[in-house]
Amino acid sequence: MVQYRRNFIPGGTFFFTVTLEDRTSSLLVEQVGLLRDAFRASRAKKPFTLDAIVILPDHLHTVMTLPPGDSDFPDRWRQIKSHFTRAVVAAGVPLSVNHRGEYPLWQRRFWEHTIRNERDLERCVDYVHYNPTKHRLVSSPVDWQHTSLHRYVRDRILPADWGGGGAMDNDDFGERKD
């Protein structure tokens, strides 16, 4: 079995990419309320701060900060994925079952990057907010509904026209090329 190297830093801030198994699916935006509930349920059990998030049809990006002394981000993602999957099944969304009796809704792994400094944090948050435009889902980041960019605009951290006129840093950040 492949051994994935994770950087467990108590109280650390991390950038994540989490993807559905079916890259043609739009389930995350179709069932965004259930996904939000999954985040709330996980956060109630094991607190974390969502510094930035964007929910796209088949994947999502987050910048997450863990509490001091806590480095267990894998369990948080396990909880979020499990809660969402159970909620989708309970809502009657047809999902196939694999040979192990599991719903193969999510890719088994996720991509993680440890935030190193303030510039790295800014770069990752910008990437999160610009991602719907990168994927040509909207012409301006603020036009995408499922993003923390709206909170950044409301709190006057970023202007409403942020990212609408030019290209951003398009580092891959672990996304699979289509």
C-alpha atoms as a PDB file:
ATOM      1  CA  MET A   1       0.000   0.000   0.000  1.00  0.00           C
ATOM      2  CA  VAL A   2       1.208   3.484  -0.804  1.00  0.00           C
ATOM      3  CA  GLN A   3       2.292   5.486   2.221  1.00  0.00           C
ATOM      4  CA  TYR A   4       1.133   9.079   1.926  1.00  0.00           C
ATOM      5  CA  ARG A   5       3.261  11.635   3.696  1.00  0.00           C
ATOM      6  CA  ARG A   6       1.160  14.122   5.575  1.00  0.00           C
ATOM      7  CA  ASN A   7       2.432  17.134   7.446  1.00  0.00           C
ATOM      8  CA  PHE A   8       0.704  17.024  10.831  1.00  0.00           C
ATOM      9  CA  ILE A   9       1.205  20.413  12.478  1.00  0.00           C
ATOM     10  CA  PRO A  10      -0.906  21.082  15.575  1.00  0.00           C
ATOM     11  CA  GLY A  11      -2.827  24.313  15.064  1.00  0.00           C
ATOM     12  CA  GLY A  12      -1.647  24.437  11.446  1.00  0.00           C
ATOM     13  CA  THR A  13      -3.325  26.018   8.456  1.00  0.00           C
ATOM     14  CA  PHE A  14      -3.774  23.836   5.382  1.00  0.00           C
ATOM     15  CA  PHE A  15      -5.033  24.094   1.806  1.00  0.00           C
ATOM     16  CA  PHE A  16      -7.109  21.093   0.678  1.00  0.00           C
ATOM     17  CA  THR A  17      -8.561  19.826  -2.565  1.00  0.00           C
ATOM     18  CA  VAL A  18     -11.258  17.180  -2.120  1.00  0.00           C
ATOM     19  CA  THR A  19     -12.829  15.591  -5.184  1.00  0.00           C
ATOM     20  CA  LEU A  20     -15.780  13.429  -6.113  1.00  0.00           C
ATOM     21  CA  GLU A  21     -14.963  10.126  -7.766  1.00  0.00           C
ATOM     22  CA  ASP A  22     -17.149  11.052 -10.746  1.00  0.00           C
ATOM     23  CA  ARG A  23     -15.542  14.180 -12.184  1.00  0.00           C
ATOM     24  CA  THR A  24     -18.613  14.755 -14.405  1.00  0.00           C
ATOM     25  CA  SER A  25     -20.929  15.004 -11.407  1.00  0.00           C
ATOM     26  CA  SER A  26     -22.436  18.246 -10.160  1.00  0.00           C
ATOM     27  CA  LEU A  27     -23.629  16.745  -6.883  1.00  0.00           C
ATOM     28  CA  LEU A  28     -21.713  19.146  -4.639  1.00  0.00           C
ATOM     29  CA  VAL A  29     -23.560  22.215  -5.936  1.00  0.00           C
ATOM     30  CA  GLU A  30     -26.851  20.334  -6.389  1.00  0.00           C
ATOM     31  CA  GLN A  31     -26.728  19.266  -2.735  1.00  0.00           C
ATOM     32  CA  VAL A  32     -24.774  22.201  -1.309  1.00  0.00           C
ATOM     33  CA  GLY A  33     -27.103  22.455   1.702  1.00  0.00           C
ATOM     34  CA  LEU A  34     -26.258  18.877   2.695  1.00  0.00           C
ATOM     35  CA  LEU A  35     -22.561  19.612   2.215  1.00  0.00           C
ATOM     36  CA  ARG A  36     -22.817  22.672   4.463  1.00  0.00           C
ATOM     37  CA  ASP A  37     -24.581  20.510   7.061  1.00  0.00           C
ATOM     38  CA  ALA A  38     -21.716  18.009   6.841  1.00  0.00           C
ATOM     39  CA  PHE A  39     -19.180  20.757   7.536  1.00  0.00           C
ATOM     40  CA  ARG A  40     -21.258  22.022  10.492  1.00  0.00           C
ATOM     41  CA  ALA A  41     -21.604  18.520  11.954  1.00  0.00           C
ATOM     42  CA  SER A  42     -17.877  17.861  11.664  1.00  0.00           C
ATOM     43  CA  ARG A  43     -16.991  21.250  13.143  1.00  0.00           C
ATOM     44  CA  ALA A  44     -19.341  20.592  16.093  1.00  0.00           C
ATOM     45  CA  LYS A  45     -17.412  17.394  16.905  1.00  0.00           C
ATOM     46  CA  LYS A  46     -13.904  18.628  16.102  1.00  0.00           C
ATOM     47  CA  PRO A  47     -13.606  22.412  15.725  1.00  0.00           C
ATOM     48  CA  PHE A  48     -11.744  24.099  12.887  1.00  0.00           C
ATOM     49  CA  THR A  49     -11.821  27.439  11.127  1.00  0.00           C
ATOM     50  CA  LEU A  50     -12.678  27.682   7.453  1.00  0.00           C
ATOM     51  CA  ASP A  51     -10.496  30.538   6.281  1.00  0.00           C
ATOM     52  CA  ALA A  52     -11.652  30.133   2.672  1.00  0.00           C
ATOM     53  CA  ILE A  53     -13.814  27.717   0.699  1.00  0.00           C
ATOM     54  CA  VAL A  54     -15.183  27.233  -2.784  1.00  0.00           C
ATOM     55  CA  ILE A  55     -17.614  24.477  -3.710  1.00  0.00           C
ATOM     56  CA  LEU A  56     -17.574  23.507  -7.374  1.00  0.00           C
ATOM     57  CA  PRO A  57     -19.714  20.848  -9.076  1.00  0.00           C
ATOM     58  CA  ASP A  58     -17.249  17.959  -8.634  1.00  0.00           C
ATOM     59  CA  HIS A  59     -14.637  19.205  -6.154  1.00  0.00           C
ATOM     60  CA  LEU A  60     -13.997  21.735  -3.453  1.00  0.00           C
ATOM     61  CA  HIS A  61     -11.074  23.704  -2.089  1.00  0.00           C
ATOM     62  CA  THR A  62     -10.647  24.898   1.455  1.00  0.00           C
ATOM     63  CA  VAL A  63      -8.134  26.686   3.592  1.00  0.00           C
ATOM     64  CA  MET A  64      -8.626  25.304   7.085  1.00  0.00           C
ATOM     65  CA  THR A  65      -6.973  26.170  10.396  1.00  0.00           C
ATOM     66  CA  LEU A  66      -6.972  23.649  13.225  1.00  0.00           C
ATOM     67  CA  PRO A  67      -7.089  24.511  16.928  1.00  0.00           C
ATOM     68  CA  PRO A  68      -3.832  24.715  18.912  1.00  0.00           C
ATOM     69  CA  GLY A  69      -2.603  21.254  19.865  1.00  0.00           C
ATOM     70  CA  ASP A  70      -4.722  19.492  17.224  1.00  0.00           C
ATOM     71  CA  SER A  71      -3.380  18.162  13.913  1.00  0.00           C
ATOM     72  CA  ASP A  72      -6.085  15.634  12.980  1.00  0.00           C
ATOM     73  CA  PHE A  73      -7.343  16.929   9.647  1.00  0.00           C
ATOM     74  CA  PRO A  74      -7.812  13.401   8.168  1.00  0.00           C
ATOM     75  CA  ASP A  75     -10.562  12.603  10.671  1.00  0.00           C
ATOM     76  CA  ARG A  76     -12.298  15.882   9.909  1.00  0.00           C
ATOM     77  CA  TRP A  77     -12.354  15.023   6.192  1.00  0.00           C
ATOM     78  CA  ARG A  78     -13.545  11.495   6.981  1.00  0.00           C
ATOM     79  CA  GLN A  79     -16.417  12.963   8.986  1.00  0.00           C
ATOM     80  CA  ILE A  80     -17.349  15.529   6.324  1.00  0.00           C
ATOM     81  CA  LYS A  81     -17.288  12.961   3.526  1.00  0.00           C
ATOM     82  CA  SER A  82     -19.207  10.347   5.554  1.00  0.00           C
ATOM     83  CA  HIS A  83     -21.849  12.774   6.772  1.00  0.00           C
ATOM     84  CA  PHE A  84     -22.436  14.138   3.264  1.00  0.00           C
ATOM     85  CA  THR A  85     -22.625  10.669   1.718  1.00  0.00           C
ATOM     86  CA  ARG A  86     -25.132   9.442   4.312  1.00  0.00           C
ATOM     87  CA  ALA A  87     -27.238  12.602   3.866  1.00  0.00           C
ATOM     88  CA  VAL A  88     -27.254  12.249   0.066  1.00  0.00           C
ATOM     89  CA  VAL A  89     -28.362   8.616   0.341  1.00  0.00           C
ATOM     90  CA  ALA A  90     -31.052   9.551   2.897  1.00  0.00           C
ATOM     91  CA  ALA A  91     -32.288  12.264   0.502  1.00  0.00           C
ATOM     92  CA  GLY A  92     -32.910   9.576  -2.107  1.00  0.00           C
ATOM     93  CA  VAL A  93     -30.146  10.522  -4.523  1.00  0.00           C
ATOM     94  CA  PRO A  94     -29.336   7.334  -6.439  1.00  0.00           C
ATOM     95  CA  LEU A  95     -25.759   6.205  -5.776  1.00  0.00           C
ATOM     96  CA  SER A  96     -24.175   2.952  -6.800  1.00  0.00           C
ATOM     97  CA  VAL A  97     -22.597   0.613  -4.271  1.00  0.00           C
ATOM     98  CA  ASN A  98     -19.210  -0.998  -4.898  1.00  0.00           C
ATOM     99  CA  HIS A  99     -18.196  -4.612  -4.223  1.00  0.00           C
ATOM    100  CA  ARG A 100     -17.409  -3.731  -0.580  1.00  0.00           C
ATOM    101  CA  GLY A 101     -20.879  -2.296   0.014  1.00  0.00           C
ATOM    102  CA  GLU A 102     -19.529   1.273   0.037  1.00  0.00           C
ATOM    103  CA  TYR A 103     -20.774   4.286  -1.853  1.00  0.00           C
ATOM    104  CA  PRO A 104     -17.827   5.357  -4.015  1.00  0.00           C
ATOM    105  CA  LEU A 105     -18.912   9.006  -4.002  1.00  0.00           C
ATOM    106  CA  TRP A 106     -15.561  10.591  -3.090  1.00  0.00           C
ATOM    107  CA  GLN A 107     -12.066   9.957  -4.287  1.00  0.00           C
ATOM    108  CA  ARG A 108     -10.412   8.037  -1.477  1.00  0.00           C
ATOM    109  CA  ARG A 109      -7.636  10.567  -0.946  1.00  0.00           C
ATOM    110  CA  PHE A 110      -7.428  14.326  -0.787  1.00  0.00           C
ATOM    111  CA  TRP A 111      -4.687  16.773  -1.609  1.00  0.00           C
ATOM    112  CA  GLU A 112      -3.165  18.778   1.214  1.00  0.00           C
ATOM    113  CA  HIS A 113      -0.668  21.631   1.320  1.00  0.00           C
ATOM    114  CA  THR A 114       0.680  23.111   4.540  1.00  0.00           C
ATOM    115  CA  ILE A 115       0.482  26.895   4.599  1.00  0.00           C
ATOM    116  CA  ARG A 116       3.998  28.159   5.282  1.00  0.00           C
ATOM    117  CA  ASN A 117       3.592  31.906   5.792  1.00  0.00           C
ATOM    118  CA  GLU A 118       1.296  34.886   5.188  1.00  0.00           C
ATOM    119  CA  ARG A 119       2.185  35.129   1.479  1.00  0.00           C
ATOM    120  CA  ASP A 120       1.444  31.433   0.997  1.00  0.00           C
ATOM    121  CA  LEU A 121      -1.881  31.901   2.814  1.00  0.00           C
ATOM    122  CA  GLU A 122      -2.795  34.829   0.577  1.00  0.00           C
ATOM    123  CA  ARG A 123      -1.843  32.890  -2.554  1.00  0.00           C
ATOM    124  CA  CYS A 124      -3.948  29.871  -1.527  1.00  0.00           C
ATOM    125  CA  VAL A 125      -6.980  31.973  -0.533  1.00  0.00           C
ATOM    126  CA  ASP A 126      -6.739  33.799  -3.867  1.00  0.00           C
ATOM    127  CA  TYR A 127      -6.600  30.464  -5.672  1.00  0.00           C
ATOM    128  CA  VAL A 128      -9.695  29.238  -3.808  1.00  0.00           C
ATOM    129  CA  HIS A 129     -11.645  32.364  -4.700  1.00  0.00           C
ATOM    130  CA  TYR A 130     -10.501  32.489  -8.320  1.00  0.00           C
ATOM    131  CA  ASN A 131     -11.157  28.797  -9.008  1.00  0.00           C
ATOM    132  CA  PRO A 132     -14.689  29.084 -10.489  1.00  0.00           C
ATOM    133  CA  THR A 133     -13.298  31.563 -13.010  1.00  0.00           C
ATOM    134  CA  LYS A 134     -10.329  29.297 -13.742  1.00  0.00           C
ATOM    135  CA  HIS A 135     -12.788  26.505 -14.564  1.00  0.00           C
ATOM    136  CA  ARG A 136     -14.826  28.933 -16.720  1.00  0.00           C
ATOM    137  CA  LEU A 137     -17.949  28.508 -14.629  1.00  0.00           C
ATOM    138  CA  VAL A 138     -18.269  32.303 -14.294  1.00  0.00           C
ATOM    139  CA  SER A 139     -16.530  35.306 -15.813  1.00  0.00           C
ATOM    140  CA  SER A 140     -15.851  36.952 -12.437  1.00  0.00           C
ATOM    141  CA  PRO A 141     -15.199  35.192  -9.102  1.00  0.00           C
ATOM    142  CA  VAL A 142     -17.913  37.164  -7.305  1.00  0.00           C
ATOM    143  CA  ASP A 143     -20.498  35.669  -9.700  1.00  0.00           C
ATOM    144  CA  TRP A 144     -20.019  32.199  -8.166  1.00  0.00           C
ATOM    145  CA  GLN A 145     -22.497  31.569  -5.362  1.00  0.00           C
ATOM    146  CA  HIS A 146     -20.684  28.877  -3.365  1.00  0.00           C
ATOM    147  CA  THR A 147     -17.570  30.704  -2.186  1.00  0.00           C
ATOM    148  CA  SER A 148     -16.254  32.476   0.864  1.00  0.00           C
ATOM    149  CA  LEU A 149     -15.312  35.375  -1.412  1.00  0.00           C
ATOM    150  CA  HIS A 150     -18.694  36.908  -0.550  1.00  0.00           C
ATOM    151  CA  ARG A 151     -17.678  37.033   3.132  1.00  0.00           C
ATOM    152  CA  TYR A 152     -14.358  38.645   2.170  1.00  0.00           C
ATOM    153  CA  VAL A 153     -16.243  41.287   0.168  1.00  0.00           C
ATOM    154  CA  ARG A 154     -18.811  41.848   2.939  1.00  0.00           C
ATOM    155  CA  ASP A 155     -15.995  42.253   5.495  1.00  0.00           C
ATOM    156  CA  ARG A 156     -14.187  44.633   3.096  1.00  0.00           C
ATOM    157  CA  ILE A 157     -11.120  42.426   2.900  1.00  0.00           C
ATOM    158  CA  LEU A 158     -11.469  42.278  -0.889  1.00  0.00           C
ATOM    159  CA  PRO A 159     -13.363  44.535  -3.324  1.00  0.00           C
ATOM    160  CA  ALA A 160     -16.445  43.186  -5.110  1.00  0.00           C
ATOM    161  CA  ASP A 161     -14.645  43.328  -8.459  1.00  0.00           C
ATOM    162  CA  TRP A 162     -11.653  41.312  -7.176  1.00  0.00           C
ATOM    163  CA  GLY A 163     -10.213  38.931  -9.772  1.00  0.00           C
ATOM    164  CA  GLY A 164     -12.630  39.979 -12.491  1.00  0.00           C
ATOM    165  CA  GLY A 165     -10.169  41.544 -14.872  1.00  0.00           C
ATOM    166  CA  GLY A 166      -7.087  39.385 -15.053  1.00  0.00           C
ATOM    167  CA  ALA A 167      -5.402  36.058 -14.633  1.00  0.00           C
ATOM    168  CA  MET A 168      -4.356  34.749 -11.248  1.00  0.00           C
ATOM    169  CA  ASP A 169      -1.474  32.500 -10.263  1.00  0.00           C
ATOM    170  CA  ASN A 170      -2.521  29.218 -11.877  1.00  0.00           C
ATOM    171  CA  ASP A 171      -0.378  26.772  -9.917  1.00  0.00           C
ATOM    172  CA  ASP A 172      -1.971  23.348 -10.070  1.00  0.00           C
ATOM    173  CA  PHE A 173      -2.449  22.896  -6.295  1.00  0.00           C
ATOM    174  CA  GLY A 174      -2.999  19.167  -6.754  1.00  0.00           C
ATOM    175  CA  GLU A 175      -5.880  19.306  -9.186  1.00  0.00           C
ATOM    176  CA  ARG A 176      -6.058  16.592 -11.791  1.00  0.00           C
ATOM    177  CA  LYS A 177      -5.920  17.879 -15.332  1.00  0.00           C
ATOM    178  CA  ASP A 178      -9.081  17.093 -17.324  1.00  0.00           C
END
